[in-house]
Amino acid sequence: MIGLSGTNGSGKDTVGHVLAEQHGYLFVTLTEALRQEARNRGWAPDRRSLRTISAEWRRESGLGVLVDKAVEAFQPLADQYSGLVMASLRNPGEAERLHELGGTVVWVDADPRIRYQRISQAHRGRDEEDNKTYEEFLAEEQAEMHSSGDAATLDMSAVRDRADVTILNESDLTALGQQLPAALGL
């Protein structure tokens, strides 16, 4: 079981897709579950809504609730895949839960300018998240990197500190695909 975390635009979902396509993992995006919940509530699926919902879920069901939701989705399908990869861990409780389950936490990163260019040019259908200035991008990330003092909120720097593996993703998809097997022992 692999949990992906990292900076915005670093390529966490790309790593998840590569592990799914090349190594037979089921890729579950925790962020999409949060987006769907925001839509169900009639909220814009923006970063603020996702932060609010994830903190609410953690307060109600424990800090590892998103990991548990991914594992629940995987269990009935486990015999069809070589493993589970999930993105994106954004709270240290999620990293700790993944470790309790015997999983590996992977931190994905890249230079901020590369990451900003990726999200600006990706056309991912996430205009609420992706249409911002470089300064807004950096400020938003800074707000998510450190704890607000509430254990249920985002604290990506604490997740980074708990990572077992760090992947620097500053090149192309081919280089990333070549880097993963050695980094993850696949």
Protein backbone atom coordinates (compact mmCIF):
# COMPACT_ATOMS: atom_id res chain seq x y z
CA MET A 1 0.00 0.00 0.00
CA ILE A 2 1.37 3.38 -1.04
CA GLY A 3 0.20 6.82 0.04
CA LEU A 4 1.25 9.79 -2.04
CA SER A 5 1.71 13.28 -0.70
CA GLY A 6 3.55 16.32 -1.93
CA THR A 7 3.39 19.87 -3.05
CA ASN A 8 0.66 21.17 -5.35
CA GLY A 9 1.37 20.32 -8.98
CA SER A 10 4.25 17.98 -8.12
CA GLY A 11 2.67 15.06 -9.97
CA LYS A 12 1.07 12.95 -7.23
CA ASP A 13 -1.80 11.88 -9.49
CA THR A 14 0.65 11.20 -12.30
CA VAL A 15 2.65 8.91 -10.00
CA GLY A 16 -0.61 7.18 -9.06
CA HIS A 17 -1.54 6.66 -12.71
CA VAL A 18 1.93 5.33 -13.56
CA LEU A 19 1.74 2.83 -10.69
CA ALA A 20 -1.72 1.78 -11.88
CA GLU A 21 -0.81 1.44 -15.55
CA GLN A 22 2.69 0.00 -15.25
CA HIS A 23 2.53 -1.95 -11.99
CA GLY A 24 -1.10 -3.03 -11.59
CA TYR A 25 -2.09 -0.88 -8.60
CA LEU A 26 -5.58 0.44 -7.96
CA PHE A 27 -5.28 4.24 -7.83
CA VAL A 28 -7.70 6.01 -5.49
CA THR A 29 -7.71 9.79 -5.35
CA LEU A 30 -8.79 11.00 -1.95
CA THR A 31 -9.15 14.51 -3.33
CA GLU A 32 -11.82 13.39 -5.78
CA ALA A 33 -13.87 11.95 -2.92
CA LEU A 34 -13.70 15.37 -1.26
CA ARG A 35 -14.65 17.13 -4.52
CA GLN A 36 -17.66 14.85 -4.88
CA GLU A 37 -18.74 15.61 -1.32
CA ALA A 38 -18.45 19.35 -2.03
CA ARG A 39 -20.64 18.93 -5.12
CA ASN A 40 -23.15 16.88 -3.10
CA ARG A 41 -23.38 19.78 -0.66
CA GLY A 42 -23.81 22.32 -3.45
CA TRP A 43 -20.42 23.87 -2.72
CA ALA A 44 -17.76 24.87 -5.23
CA PRO A 45 -15.15 22.09 -5.28
CA ASP A 46 -12.36 24.57 -4.50
CA ARG A 47 -9.44 24.10 -2.13
CA ARG A 48 -11.20 25.92 0.72
CA SER A 49 -14.23 23.59 0.50
CA LEU A 50 -11.99 20.52 0.34
CA ARG A 51 -10.03 21.66 3.41
CA THR A 52 -13.28 22.25 5.31
CA ILE A 53 -14.75 18.84 4.43
CA SER A 54 -11.55 16.91 5.13
CA ALA A 55 -11.17 18.56 8.55
CA GLU A 56 -14.83 17.82 9.34
CA TRP A 57 -14.41 14.14 8.38
CA ARG A 58 -11.22 13.86 10.46
CA ARG A 59 -12.96 15.35 13.50
CA GLU A 60 -15.91 12.97 13.09
CA SER A 61 -14.12 9.74 12.17
CA GLY A 62 -10.45 10.09 13.12
CA LEU A 63 -7.37 11.58 11.51
CA GLY A 64 -6.86 8.56 9.23
CA VAL A 65 -10.42 8.53 7.85
CA LEU A 66 -9.41 9.23 4.25
CA VAL A 67 -6.93 6.35 4.27
CA ASP A 68 -9.62 4.11 5.71
CA LYS A 69 -12.04 5.18 2.94
CA ALA A 70 -9.45 4.28 0.28
CA VAL A 71 -8.80 0.89 1.90
CA GLU A 72 -12.56 0.22 2.03
CA ALA A 73 -12.81 0.94 -1.70
CA PHE A 74 -9.85 -1.38 -2.38
CA GLN A 75 -10.81 -4.39 -0.25
CA PRO A 76 -13.53 -5.86 -2.50
CA LEU A 77 -11.19 -5.48 -5.49
CA ALA A 78 -7.92 -6.53 -3.86
CA ASP A 79 -7.57 -9.78 -5.81
CA GLN A 80 -7.64 -7.81 -9.09
CA TYR A 81 -4.65 -5.55 -8.29
CA SER A 82 -1.08 -5.82 -7.10
CA GLY A 83 -1.72 -3.17 -4.45
CA LEU A 84 -3.34 0.13 -3.55
CA VAL A 85 -1.94 3.60 -4.20
CA MET A 86 -3.76 6.64 -2.87
CA ALA A 87 -3.29 10.38 -3.22
CA SER A 88 -3.13 12.83 -1.60
CA LEU A 89 -2.20 12.53 2.06
CA ARG A 90 -2.37 16.00 3.59
CA ASN A 91 -2.55 15.37 7.33
CA PRO A 92 0.04 13.59 9.48
CA GLY A 93 -2.70 11.35 10.88
CA GLU A 94 -3.15 9.94 7.37
CA ALA A 95 0.57 9.15 7.13
CA GLU A 96 0.48 7.52 10.55
CA ARG A 97 -2.60 5.47 9.63
CA LEU A 98 -0.93 4.29 6.43
CA HIS A 99 2.15 3.26 8.43
CA GLU A 100 -0.09 1.38 10.91
CA LEU A 101 -1.44 -0.58 7.93
CA GLY A 102 2.10 -1.39 6.75
CA GLY A 103 2.11 1.11 3.90
CA THR A 104 4.74 3.42 2.46
CA VAL A 105 4.39 7.21 2.40
CA VAL A 106 5.88 8.87 -0.68
CA TRP A 107 6.55 12.61 -0.87
CA VAL A 108 6.53 14.00 -4.43
CA ASP A 109 8.05 17.41 -5.12
CA ALA A 110 9.37 19.67 -7.86
CA ASP A 111 10.55 23.25 -8.25
CA PRO A 112 7.66 25.70 -7.59
CA ARG A 113 7.92 27.30 -11.05
CA ILE A 114 7.64 23.89 -12.73
CA ARG A 115 4.66 23.00 -10.55
CA TYR A 116 2.89 26.29 -11.22
CA GLN A 117 3.41 25.85 -14.97
CA ARG A 118 1.97 22.35 -14.78
CA ILE A 119 -1.25 23.37 -13.08
CA SER A 120 -1.62 26.47 -15.23
CA GLN A 121 -1.34 24.46 -18.44
CA ALA A 122 -2.98 21.21 -17.40
CA HIS A 123 -6.61 21.99 -18.34
CA ARG A 124 -7.73 19.51 -15.70
CA GLY A 125 -11.24 20.92 -15.51
CA ARG A 126 -10.47 22.43 -12.11
CA ASP A 127 -10.72 26.11 -12.92
CA GLU A 128 -11.60 26.90 -9.30
CA GLU A 129 -8.23 25.47 -8.25
CA ASP A 130 -5.99 26.16 -11.21
CA ASN A 131 -6.74 29.74 -12.30
CA LYS A 132 -4.49 31.77 -10.03
CA THR A 133 -1.38 33.88 -10.09
CA TYR A 134 1.99 32.45 -9.12
CA GLU A 135 1.84 34.45 -5.88
CA GLU A 136 -1.62 33.06 -5.06
CA PHE A 137 -0.35 29.56 -5.83
CA LEU A 138 2.55 29.98 -3.39
CA ALA A 139 0.39 31.56 -0.68
CA GLU A 140 -2.19 28.79 -0.92
CA GLU A 141 0.48 26.15 -0.64
CA GLN A 142 2.07 27.89 2.34
CA ALA A 143 -1.29 27.86 4.12
CA GLU A 144 -1.56 24.09 3.60
CA MET A 145 2.02 23.28 4.60
CA HIS A 146 1.73 24.11 8.30
CA SER A 147 -0.75 23.25 11.01
CA SER A 148 -3.31 25.80 12.09
CA GLY A 149 -3.13 24.32 15.59
CA ASP A 150 -6.15 22.08 14.91
CA ALA A 151 -5.01 18.46 14.49
CA ALA A 152 -7.78 17.83 11.94
CA THR A 153 -6.57 20.45 9.45
CA LEU A 154 -3.93 20.23 6.76
CA ASP A 155 -0.27 20.01 7.73
CA MET A 156 1.63 18.85 4.69
CA SER A 157 5.05 19.60 6.17
CA ALA A 158 4.31 17.08 8.93
CA VAL A 159 3.36 14.51 6.26
CA ARG A 160 6.62 15.27 4.42
CA ASP A 161 8.50 14.66 7.68
CA ARG A 162 6.87 11.20 7.93
CA ALA A 163 7.59 10.19 4.32
CA ASP A 164 9.55 7.01 3.69
CA VAL A 165 10.54 7.97 0.13
CA THR A 166 10.96 11.30 -1.68
CA ILE A 167 10.62 11.57 -5.45
CA LEU A 168 11.78 14.66 -7.30
CA ASN A 169 9.56 14.94 -10.37
CA GLU A 170 11.06 17.68 -12.53
CA SER A 171 11.39 15.91 -15.85
CA ASP A 172 9.05 14.01 -18.15
CA LEU A 173 6.78 11.01 -17.76
CA THR A 174 9.42 8.59 -19.07
CA ALA A 175 11.95 9.69 -16.45
CA LEU A 176 9.31 9.45 -13.73
CA GLY A 177 8.34 5.93 -14.82
CA GLN A 178 11.99 4.88 -14.72
CA GLN A 179 12.52 6.41 -11.27
CA LEU A 180 9.59 4.71 -9.51
CA PRO A 181 10.63 1.02 -9.47
CA ALA A 182 13.97 1.69 -7.76
CA ALA A 183 12.51 4.30 -5.38
CA LEU A 184 9.65 2.03 -4.32
CA GLY A 185 11.32 -1.37 -4.56
CA LEU A 186 8.97 -2.59 -7.28
